[in-house]
């Protein structure tokens, strides 16, 4: 994968989370076709500015980080 602008990654994350209730980091990365590390950095930034919220889910003895939008449908035009 080529290097992507972080703003493009954030826009893609907003678009994907707008269509889904909550998603794991892995699933978001796969959906937006971005590296896992880049996705984490973008999600951490978005969490700091209250665009997304995080909760830990437990799926078969493995804890995963699940993210969702703080306010649903904030970017309808995306």
Protein backbone atom coordinates (compact mmCIF):
# COMPACT_ATOMS: atom_id res chain seq x y z
CA UNK A 1 0.00 0.00 0.00
CA UNK A 2 1.20 3.50 -0.81
CA UNK A 3 1.51 6.33 1.63
CA UNK A 4 -1.79 8.12 2.26
CA UNK A 5 -2.64 11.53 3.62
CA UNK A 6 -3.93 11.24 7.21
CA UNK A 7 -6.89 13.50 6.37
CA UNK A 8 -7.95 11.07 3.65
CA UNK A 9 -7.72 8.22 6.15
CA UNK A 10 -9.86 10.14 8.67
CA UNK A 11 -12.49 10.90 6.00
CA UNK A 12 -12.59 7.24 5.02
CA UNK A 13 -12.96 6.17 8.67
CA UNK A 14 -15.85 8.63 9.13
CA UNK A 15 -17.53 7.28 6.01
CA UNK A 16 -17.17 3.65 7.12
CA UNK A 17 -18.28 4.25 10.71
CA UNK A 18 -21.23 6.28 9.47
CA UNK A 19 -22.54 3.13 7.74
CA UNK A 20 -21.79 0.74 10.63
CA UNK A 21 -22.57 0.84 14.34
CA UNK A 22 -19.12 -0.10 15.58
CA UNK A 23 -16.09 -1.77 14.12
CA UNK A 24 -12.77 -3.23 15.20
CA UNK A 25 -9.49 -1.62 14.17
CA UNK A 26 -8.72 -4.58 11.93
CA UNK A 27 -12.04 -4.37 10.13
CA UNK A 28 -11.74 -0.59 9.68
CA UNK A 29 -8.20 -1.01 8.27
CA UNK A 30 -9.37 -3.64 5.81
CA UNK A 31 -12.40 -1.59 4.78
CA UNK A 32 -10.45 1.61 4.07
CA UNK A 33 -7.42 -0.26 2.68
CA UNK A 34 -4.96 1.35 5.07
CA UNK A 35 -2.15 0.07 7.25
CA UNK A 36 -3.12 -0.92 10.80
CA UNK A 37 -0.69 1.59 12.37
CA UNK A 38 -2.09 4.48 10.32
CA UNK A 39 -5.63 3.52 11.24
CA UNK A 40 -4.74 3.42 14.95
CA UNK A 41 -3.09 6.86 14.78
CA UNK A 42 -6.12 8.33 13.03
CA UNK A 43 -8.56 6.72 15.50
CA UNK A 44 -6.55 7.92 18.51
CA UNK A 45 -6.60 11.48 17.13
CA UNK A 46 -10.33 11.24 16.40
CA UNK A 47 -10.91 9.99 19.95
CA UNK A 48 -9.04 12.99 21.40
CA UNK A 49 -11.29 15.42 19.55
CA UNK A 50 -14.45 13.45 20.40
CA UNK A 51 -15.35 12.24 16.92
CA UNK A 52 -15.26 8.58 17.89
CA UNK A 53 -15.64 6.59 21.07
CA UNK A 54 -13.97 3.35 22.01
CA UNK A 55 -15.01 0.36 24.01
CA UNK A 56 -13.44 -2.99 24.60
CA UNK A 57 -15.32 -6.00 23.36
CA UNK A 58 -14.62 -9.57 24.33
CA UNK A 59 -14.71 -12.09 21.56
CA UNK A 60 -13.56 -15.63 22.33
CA UNK A 61 -11.03 -14.86 25.09
CA UNK A 62 -9.54 -12.00 23.07
CA UNK A 63 -10.17 -8.36 23.91
CA UNK A 64 -10.61 -6.14 20.88
CA UNK A 65 -10.91 -2.39 20.52
CA UNK A 66 -14.25 -1.34 19.02
CA UNK A 67 -14.84 2.16 17.67
CA UNK A 68 -18.03 4.01 16.79
CA UNK A 69 -19.02 7.59 16.01
CA UNK A 70 -19.88 9.82 18.95
CA UNK A 71 -22.72 11.38 16.95
CA UNK A 72 -24.22 9.11 14.29
CA UNK A 73 -24.78 10.46 10.80
CA UNK A 74 -22.56 13.51 11.24
CA UNK A 75 -21.34 13.48 7.65
CA UNK A 76 -24.25 12.52 5.43
CA UNK A 77 -22.50 13.79 2.29
CA UNK A 78 -19.56 11.43 2.83
